[in-house]
Amino acid sequence: MSSATTTLRGVSAGLAVVGFVVLSLFVRLGSTSLEILIGIGVISFVALLIAGGLAPIQQLLAPGDAAADGSTNTRQSRWWVVRAIAPLEESWNRWSDAIVILGLGVVGIGSFVLLITDQSETPPIGLLFVGFICSGAAFFSLALLIDSM
């Protein structure tokens, strides 16, 4: 596989992971508009398709976990984020790590900025939650990356 293909698949895998994690957080937040959720979902699906082909999308859209067959991860594998991220292991590389760290950091800082600049009487406090989760995950990922060097 060429260097450009490896880089593209790594960047796409990182974008897919960040997209699905952020989509999951925003769905839990509940105050995000439908257009934003659809945009994040489409970008994540396209990145998943580029990174892994059709197999990860089939695994994501599967109603159950046919591969588990009674393993201890059956309950966890039914969560759609885990089903989306699991097939990306073969295309994961340093580019993916960089995209995850940068993407989660940008979402975390952006959430804090949106919370601070909100002009409404009741700011969406869920942005504080998203900011702390994404910033903490970015710092944790950076520590793991530095430790693995």
N, C-alpha and C. Protein backbone atom coordinates (compact mmCIF):
# COMPACT_ATOMS: atom_id res chain seq x y z
N MET A 1 0.86 -1.17 0.00
CA MET A 1 0.00 0.00 0.00
C MET A 1 0.90 1.23 0.00
N SER A 2 0.55 2.20 -0.79
CA SER A 2 1.38 3.38 -0.91
C SER A 2 1.26 4.27 0.31
N SER A 3 2.19 5.19 0.43
CA SER A 3 2.21 6.11 1.57
C SER A 3 0.99 7.03 1.57
N ALA A 4 0.59 7.50 0.39
CA ALA A 4 -0.57 8.38 0.31
C ALA A 4 -1.86 7.64 0.71
N THR A 5 -1.99 6.39 0.31
CA THR A 5 -3.17 5.60 0.67
C THR A 5 -3.19 5.33 2.16
N THR A 6 -2.05 5.01 2.73
CA THR A 6 -1.97 4.78 4.18
C THR A 6 -2.32 6.04 4.94
N THR A 7 -1.82 7.18 4.48
CA THR A 7 -2.13 8.45 5.13
C THR A 7 -3.62 8.77 5.02
N LEU A 8 -4.20 8.60 3.84
CA LEU A 8 -5.62 8.88 3.65
C LEU A 8 -6.49 7.98 4.52
N ARG A 9 -6.15 6.69 4.57
CA ARG A 9 -6.93 5.78 5.40
C ARG A 9 -6.76 6.10 6.89
N GLY A 10 -5.57 6.50 7.32
CA GLY A 10 -5.36 6.87 8.71
C GLY A 10 -6.11 8.13 9.10
N VAL A 11 -6.05 9.14 8.24
CA VAL A 11 -6.78 10.38 8.50
C VAL A 11 -8.28 10.12 8.53
N SER A 12 -8.76 9.31 7.59
CA SER A 12 -10.19 8.99 7.55
C SER A 12 -10.62 8.20 8.77
N ALA A 13 -9.79 7.28 9.23
CA ALA A 13 -10.12 6.51 10.43
C ALA A 13 -10.21 7.43 11.64
N GLY A 14 -9.28 8.36 11.75
CA GLY A 14 -9.32 9.32 12.85
C GLY A 14 -10.55 10.21 12.79
N LEU A 15 -10.90 10.68 11.59
CA LEU A 15 -12.10 11.50 11.42
C LEU A 15 -13.36 10.73 11.77
N ALA A 16 -13.41 9.46 11.39
CA ALA A 16 -14.58 8.64 11.70
C ALA A 16 -14.74 8.47 13.21
N VAL A 17 -13.64 8.20 13.90
CA VAL A 17 -13.71 8.03 15.35
C VAL A 17 -14.16 9.31 16.02
N VAL A 18 -13.53 10.43 15.67
CA VAL A 18 -13.92 11.71 16.26
C VAL A 18 -15.38 12.02 15.93
N GLY A 19 -15.76 11.80 14.70
CA GLY A 19 -17.14 12.09 14.29
C GLY A 19 -18.16 11.28 15.07
N PHE A 20 -17.92 9.98 15.22
CA PHE A 20 -18.90 9.15 15.92
C PHE A 20 -18.92 9.43 17.42
N VAL A 21 -17.78 9.75 18.00
CA VAL A 21 -17.75 10.11 19.43
C VAL A 21 -18.49 11.43 19.65
N VAL A 22 -18.21 12.41 18.81
CA VAL A 22 -18.87 13.72 18.94
C VAL A 22 -20.37 13.58 18.66
N LEU A 23 -20.73 12.79 17.67
CA LEU A 23 -22.14 12.56 17.39
C LEU A 23 -22.84 11.93 18.58
N SER A 24 -22.19 10.96 19.21
CA SER A 24 -22.76 10.33 20.39
C SER A 24 -22.94 11.33 21.53
N LEU A 25 -21.94 12.18 21.75
CA LEU A 25 -22.04 13.18 22.81
C LEU A 25 -23.14 14.20 22.52
N PHE A 26 -23.22 14.66 21.28
CA PHE A 26 -24.24 15.65 20.93
C PHE A 26 -25.65 15.08 20.98
N VAL A 27 -25.80 13.79 20.64
CA VAL A 27 -27.12 13.16 20.77
C VAL A 27 -27.51 13.08 22.23
N ARG A 28 -26.56 12.75 23.10
CA ARG A 28 -26.84 12.71 24.53
C ARG A 28 -27.15 14.10 25.08
N LEU A 29 -26.51 15.11 24.53
CA LEU A 29 -26.74 16.49 24.96
C LEU A 29 -28.18 16.90 24.70
N GLY A 30 -28.70 16.55 23.54
CA GLY A 30 -30.09 16.77 23.23
C GLY A 30 -30.48 18.15 22.75
N SER A 31 -29.61 19.12 22.84
CA SER A 31 -29.99 20.47 22.41
C SER A 31 -29.33 20.87 21.09
N THR A 32 -28.73 19.91 20.40
CA THR A 32 -28.08 20.19 19.13
C THR A 32 -29.10 20.05 18.01
N SER A 33 -29.03 20.93 17.02
CA SER A 33 -30.01 20.89 15.94
C SER A 33 -29.83 19.64 15.08
N LEU A 34 -30.91 19.25 14.46
CA LEU A 34 -30.92 18.06 13.63
C LEU A 34 -29.98 18.19 12.43
N GLU A 35 -29.87 19.38 11.88
CA GLU A 35 -29.00 19.59 10.73
C GLU A 35 -27.54 19.34 11.08
N ILE A 36 -27.12 19.79 12.26
CA ILE A 36 -25.75 19.57 12.71
C ILE A 36 -25.50 18.08 12.93
N LEU A 37 -26.45 17.40 13.56
CA LEU A 37 -26.30 15.97 13.79
C LEU A 37 -26.22 15.20 12.48
N ILE A 38 -27.04 15.55 11.52
CA ILE A 38 -27.01 14.88 10.21
C ILE A 38 -25.68 15.16 9.51
N GLY A 39 -25.18 16.40 9.57
CA GLY A 39 -23.90 16.73 8.96
C GLY A 39 -22.75 15.94 9.56
N ILE A 40 -22.72 15.86 10.89
CA ILE A 40 -21.66 15.08 11.55
C ILE A 40 -21.78 13.62 11.17
N GLY A 41 -23.01 13.11 11.12
CA GLY A 41 -23.22 11.70 10.75
C GLY A 41 -22.78 11.39 9.34
N VAL A 42 -23.10 12.26 8.40
CA VAL A 42 -22.71 12.04 7.00
C VAL A 42 -21.19 12.08 6.85
N ILE A 43 -20.55 13.06 7.47
CA ILE A 43 -19.09 13.15 7.40
C ILE A 43 -18.44 11.91 8.03
N SER A 44 -18.99 11.44 9.13
CA SER A 44 -18.45 10.25 9.80
C SER A 44 -18.63 9.01 8.93
N PHE A 45 -19.79 8.86 8.30
CA PHE A 45 -20.02 7.71 7.42
C PHE A 45 -19.08 7.73 6.22
N VAL A 46 -18.87 8.90 5.62
CA VAL A 46 -17.96 8.99 4.48
C VAL A 46 -16.53 8.66 4.91
N ALA A 47 -16.12 9.16 6.07
CA ALA A 47 -14.77 8.85 6.56
C ALA A 47 -14.65 7.37 6.88
N LEU A 48 -15.69 6.76 7.42
CA LEU A 48 -15.69 5.32 7.70
C LEU A 48 -15.58 4.52 6.42
N LEU A 49 -16.28 4.96 5.38
CA LEU A 49 -16.23 4.29 4.08
C LEU A 49 -14.84 4.38 3.47
N ILE A 50 -14.21 5.55 3.55
CA ILE A 50 -12.86 5.74 2.99
C ILE A 50 -11.85 4.91 3.77
N ALA A 51 -11.99 4.88 5.09
CA ALA A 51 -11.00 4.19 5.91
C ALA A 51 -11.09 2.68 5.81
N GLY A 52 -12.29 2.13 5.77
CA GLY A 52 -12.40 0.69 5.85
C GLY A 52 -13.21 0.02 4.77
N GLY A 53 -13.81 0.75 3.87
CA GLY A 53 -14.63 0.14 2.84
C GLY A 53 -16.04 -0.12 3.33
N LEU A 54 -16.69 -1.09 2.74
CA LEU A 54 -18.07 -1.39 3.08
C LEU A 54 -18.23 -2.25 4.33
N ALA A 55 -17.21 -3.01 4.70
CA ALA A 55 -17.33 -3.90 5.87
C ALA A 55 -17.65 -3.15 7.16
N PRO A 56 -16.98 -2.04 7.48
CA PRO A 56 -17.34 -1.33 8.71
C PRO A 56 -18.76 -0.77 8.70
N ILE A 57 -19.23 -0.34 7.52
CA ILE A 57 -20.59 0.20 7.45
C ILE A 57 -21.60 -0.91 7.64
N GLN A 58 -21.34 -2.09 7.07
CA GLN A 58 -22.23 -3.23 7.28
C GLN A 58 -22.25 -3.63 8.75
N GLN A 59 -21.09 -3.60 9.39
CA GLN A 59 -21.02 -3.95 10.81
C GLN A 59 -21.74 -2.90 11.66
N LEU A 60 -21.64 -1.64 11.28
CA LEU A 60 -22.32 -0.58 12.02
C LEU A 60 -23.83 -0.71 11.91
N LEU A 61 -24.32 -1.01 10.72
CA LEU A 61 -25.75 -1.07 10.49
C LEU A 61 -26.38 -2.41 10.87
N ALA A 62 -25.55 -3.40 11.26
CA ALA A 62 -26.08 -4.70 11.66
C ALA A 62 -26.90 -4.54 12.94
N PRO A 63 -28.10 -5.13 12.97
CA PRO A 63 -28.96 -4.95 14.15
C PRO A 63 -28.42 -5.61 15.41
N GLY A 64 -27.68 -6.69 15.28
CA GLY A 64 -27.12 -7.38 16.44
C GLY A 64 -25.66 -7.62 16.23
N ASP A 65 -25.07 -8.38 17.13
CA ASP A 65 -23.65 -8.69 17.03
C ASP A 65 -23.51 -10.16 16.70
N ALA A 66 -23.40 -10.46 15.41
CA ALA A 66 -23.31 -11.85 14.98
C ALA A 66 -21.95 -12.44 15.28
N ALA A 67 -20.92 -11.62 15.43
CA ALA A 67 -19.57 -12.13 15.64
C ALA A 67 -19.31 -12.50 17.09
N ALA A 68 -20.09 -12.00 18.03
CA ALA A 68 -19.81 -12.22 19.44
C ALA A 68 -20.13 -13.64 19.87
N ASP A 69 -21.31 -14.16 19.51
CA ASP A 69 -21.74 -15.52 19.84
C ASP A 69 -21.46 -15.90 21.28
N GLY A 70 -21.99 -15.13 22.20
CA GLY A 70 -21.90 -15.48 23.60
C GLY A 70 -20.66 -15.00 24.31
N SER A 71 -19.87 -14.17 23.70
CA SER A 71 -18.68 -13.67 24.39
C SER A 71 -19.08 -12.64 25.44
N THR A 72 -18.14 -12.24 26.25
CA THR A 72 -18.43 -11.29 27.32
C THR A 72 -18.66 -9.88 26.80
N ASN A 73 -18.30 -9.62 25.55
CA ASN A 73 -18.46 -8.27 24.98
C ASN A 73 -19.77 -8.10 24.23
N THR A 74 -20.71 -9.02 24.38
CA THR A 74 -21.95 -8.94 23.63
C THR A 74 -22.72 -7.67 23.94
N ARG A 75 -22.85 -7.33 25.21
CA ARG A 75 -23.60 -6.13 25.59
C ARG A 75 -22.91 -4.88 25.06
N GLN A 76 -21.59 -4.82 25.19
CA GLN A 76 -20.85 -3.64 24.74
C GLN A 76 -20.86 -3.54 23.22
N SER A 77 -20.79 -4.65 22.52
CA SER A 77 -20.70 -4.63 21.07
C SER A 77 -22.00 -4.19 20.42
N ARG A 78 -23.08 -4.16 21.15
CA ARG A 78 -24.34 -3.70 20.57
C ARG A 78 -24.40 -2.18 20.51
N TRP A 79 -23.52 -1.48 21.19
CA TRP A 79 -23.48 -0.03 21.13
C TRP A 79 -22.93 0.37 19.78
N TRP A 80 -23.61 1.27 19.08
CA TRP A 80 -23.28 1.57 17.70
C TRP A 80 -21.91 2.22 17.53
N VAL A 81 -21.42 2.97 18.52
CA VAL A 81 -20.10 3.60 18.40
C VAL A 81 -19.01 2.53 18.39
N VAL A 82 -19.15 1.52 19.24
CA VAL A 82 -18.15 0.44 19.28
C VAL A 82 -18.18 -0.36 17.98
N ARG A 83 -19.38 -0.61 17.46
CA ARG A 83 -19.48 -1.34 16.19
C ARG A 83 -18.88 -0.54 15.05
N ALA A 84 -18.91 0.79 15.12
CA ALA A 84 -18.36 1.62 14.06
C ALA A 84 -16.84 1.69 14.13
N ILE A 85 -16.30 1.70 15.34
CA ILE A 85 -14.87 1.93 15.51
C ILE A 85 -14.06 0.63 15.41
N ALA A 86 -14.62 -0.49 15.81
CA ALA A 86 -13.89 -1.75 15.85
C ALA A 86 -13.24 -2.15 14.51
N PRO A 87 -13.91 -2.04 13.37
CA PRO A 87 -13.28 -2.47 12.12
C PRO A 87 -12.17 -1.54 11.62
N LEU A 88 -11.95 -0.42 12.27
CA LEU A 88 -10.94 0.52 11.79
C LEU A 88 -9.54 0.20 12.27
N GLU A 89 -9.38 -0.87 13.03
CA GLU A 89 -8.06 -1.19 13.59
C GLU A 89 -7.01 -1.43 12.52
N GLU A 90 -7.38 -2.03 11.40
CA GLU A 90 -6.39 -2.32 10.37
C GLU A 90 -5.91 -1.07 9.64
N SER A 91 -6.70 -0.02 9.62
CA SER A 91 -6.27 1.21 8.95
C SER A 91 -5.78 2.27 9.94
N TRP A 92 -5.66 1.91 11.21
CA TRP A 92 -5.22 2.87 12.23
C TRP A 92 -3.71 3.06 12.15
N ASN A 93 -3.24 4.31 12.24
CA ASN A 93 -1.81 4.61 12.24
C ASN A 93 -1.57 5.92 12.99
N ARG A 94 -0.37 6.46 12.90
CA ARG A 94 -0.03 7.71 13.60
C ARG A 94 -0.88 8.90 13.15
N TRP A 95 -1.26 8.90 11.87
CA TRP A 95 -2.13 9.96 11.38
C TRP A 95 -3.47 9.93 12.10
N SER A 96 -3.97 8.74 12.35
CA SER A 96 -5.24 8.61 13.07
C SER A 96 -5.11 9.17 14.48
N ASP A 97 -4.00 8.86 15.14
CA ASP A 97 -3.77 9.39 16.48
C ASP A 97 -3.77 10.91 16.47
N ALA A 98 -3.08 11.49 15.49
CA ALA A 98 -3.00 12.95 15.41
C ALA A 98 -4.37 13.57 15.17
N ILE A 99 -5.16 12.97 14.29
CA ILE A 99 -6.49 13.51 13.99
C ILE A 99 -7.40 13.40 15.21
N VAL A 100 -7.32 12.30 15.94
CA VAL A 100 -8.16 12.14 17.14
C VAL A 100 -7.78 13.18 18.19
N ILE A 101 -6.48 13.38 18.42
CA ILE A 101 -6.04 14.36 19.41
C ILE A 101 -6.46 15.76 19.01
N LEU A 102 -6.20 16.14 17.76
CA LEU A 102 -6.57 17.48 17.29
C LEU A 102 -8.08 17.66 17.24
N GLY A 103 -8.78 16.67 16.73
CA GLY A 103 -10.23 16.78 16.60
C GLY A 103 -10.93 16.91 17.94
N LEU A 104 -10.57 16.06 18.90
CA LEU A 104 -11.19 16.15 20.22
C LEU A 104 -10.80 17.44 20.93
N GLY A 105 -9.57 17.89 20.72
CA GLY A 105 -9.14 19.15 21.32
C GLY A 105 -9.91 20.33 20.76
N VAL A 106 -10.12 20.35 19.45
CA VAL A 106 -10.87 21.43 18.82
C VAL A 106 -12.32 21.42 19.29
N VAL A 107 -12.93 20.24 19.36
CA VAL A 107 -14.32 20.16 19.83
C VAL A 107 -14.42 20.60 21.28
N GLY A 108 -13.46 20.20 22.11
CA GLY A 108 -13.47 20.59 23.51
C GLY A 108 -13.32 22.08 23.70
N ILE A 109 -12.34 22.67 23.05
CA ILE A 109 -12.13 24.12 23.16
C ILE A 109 -13.29 24.87 22.53
N GLY A 110 -13.79 24.38 21.40
CA GLY A 110 -14.94 25.02 20.76
C GLY A 110 -16.18 25.00 21.63
N SER A 111 -16.37 23.93 22.38
CA SER A 111 -17.52 23.86 23.29
C SER A 111 -17.40 24.90 24.39
N PHE A 112 -16.20 25.06 24.93
CA PHE A 112 -16.00 26.09 25.96
C PHE A 112 -16.22 27.49 25.38
N VAL A 113 -15.73 27.73 24.17
CA VAL A 113 -15.90 29.04 23.55
C VAL A 113 -17.38 29.32 23.29
N LEU A 114 -18.11 28.33 22.79
CA LEU A 114 -19.55 28.53 22.57
C LEU A 114 -20.29 28.79 23.87
N LEU A 115 -19.87 28.12 24.92
CA LEU A 115 -20.51 28.33 26.22
C LEU A 115 -20.25 29.73 26.75
N ILE A 116 -19.02 30.19 26.59
CA ILE A 116 -18.64 31.52 27.08
C ILE A 116 -19.32 32.62 26.27
N THR A 117 -19.41 32.46 24.97
CA THR A 117 -19.95 33.51 24.12
C THR A 117 -21.47 33.45 23.94
N ASP A 118 -22.12 32.50 24.58
CA ASP A 118 -23.58 32.38 24.46
C ASP A 118 -24.26 33.58 25.10
N GLN A 119 -25.16 34.21 24.37
CA GLN A 119 -25.83 35.42 24.83
C GLN A 119 -27.19 35.16 25.47
N SER A 120 -27.63 33.91 25.50
CA SER A 120 -28.95 33.63 26.04
C SER A 120 -28.93 33.65 27.57
N GLU A 121 -30.12 33.72 28.16
CA GLU A 121 -30.22 33.77 29.62
C GLU A 121 -29.84 32.44 30.26
N THR A 122 -30.15 31.35 29.58
CA THR A 122 -29.80 30.02 30.09
C THR A 122 -28.88 29.35 29.09
N PRO A 123 -27.58 29.44 29.30
CA PRO A 123 -26.64 28.82 28.35
C PRO A 123 -26.77 27.29 28.42
N PRO A 124 -26.52 26.63 27.30
CA PRO A 124 -26.61 25.17 27.28
C PRO A 124 -25.45 24.55 28.08
N ILE A 125 -25.74 24.14 29.30
CA ILE A 125 -24.71 23.64 30.20
C ILE A 125 -24.13 22.31 29.73
N GLY A 126 -24.82 21.64 28.80
CA GLY A 126 -24.30 20.41 28.22
C GLY A 126 -23.01 20.63 27.46
N LEU A 127 -22.81 21.86 26.96
CA LEU A 127 -21.54 22.17 26.29
C LEU A 127 -20.37 22.07 27.25
N LEU A 128 -20.61 22.35 28.51
CA LEU A 128 -19.56 22.19 29.52
C LEU A 128 -19.17 20.72 29.63
N PHE A 129 -20.16 19.86 29.63
CA PHE A 129 -19.92 18.42 29.66
C PHE A 129 -19.12 17.97 28.44
N VAL A 130 -19.56 18.39 27.25
CA VAL A 130 -18.86 18.01 26.02
C VAL A 130 -17.44 18.56 26.03
N GLY A 131 -17.26 19.79 26.49
CA GLY A 131 -15.92 20.38 26.55
C GLY A 131 -14.98 19.61 27.45
N PHE A 132 -15.45 19.24 28.64
CA PHE A 132 -14.59 18.49 29.55
C PHE A 132 -14.29 17.09 29.03
N ILE A 133 -15.29 16.42 28.49
CA ILE A 133 -15.07 15.06 27.97
C ILE A 133 -14.08 15.09 26.81
N CYS A 134 -14.30 15.97 25.85
CA CYS A 134 -13.42 16.00 24.67
C CYS A 134 -12.02 16.49 25.00
N SER A 135 -11.91 17.51 25.84
CA SER A 135 -10.57 18.00 26.23
C SER A 135 -9.82 16.95 27.02
N GLY A 136 -10.51 16.31 27.94
CA GLY A 136 -9.87 15.25 28.73
C GLY A 136 -9.44 14.08 27.87
N ALA A 137 -10.29 13.70 26.90
CA ALA A 137 -9.93 12.61 25.99
C ALA A 137 -8.75 12.99 25.11
N ALA A 138 -8.68 14.25 24.69
CA ALA A 138 -7.56 14.71 23.87
C ALA A 138 -6.25 14.66 24.67
N PHE A 139 -6.28 15.13 25.92
CA PHE A 139 -5.08 15.08 26.75
C PHE A 139 -4.67 13.64 27.06
N PHE A 140 -5.66 12.78 27.31
CA PHE A 140 -5.36 11.37 27.59
C PHE A 140 -4.75 10.70 26.37
N SER A 141 -5.31 10.98 25.18
CA SER A 141 -4.78 10.42 23.95
C SER A 141 -3.36 10.92 23.68
N LEU A 142 -3.12 12.20 23.96
CA LEU A 142 -1.78 12.75 23.79
C LEU A 142 -0.79 12.08 24.73
N ALA A 143 -1.20 11.84 25.97
CA ALA A 143 -0.32 11.14 26.92
C ALA A 143 -0.02 9.72 26.45
N LEU A 144 -1.02 9.03 25.92
CA LEU A 144 -0.78 7.68 25.40
C LEU A 144 0.15 7.69 24.20
N LEU A 145 0.01 8.69 23.35
CA LEU A 145 0.86 8.80 22.17
C LEU A 145 2.31 9.07 22.59
N ILE A 146 2.49 9.96 23.54
CA ILE A 146 3.85 10.26 24.01
C ILE A 146 4.47 9.05 24.70
N ASP A 147 3.66 8.32 25.46
CA ASP A 147 4.15 7.13 26.17
C ASP A 147 4.56 6.04 25.20
N SER A 148 3.88 5.94 24.05
CA SER A 148 4.19 4.88 23.09
C SER A 148 5.42 5.17 22.23
N MET A 149 5.92 6.40 22.30
CA MET A 149 7.08 6.77 21.47
C MET A 149 8.36 6.23 22.06
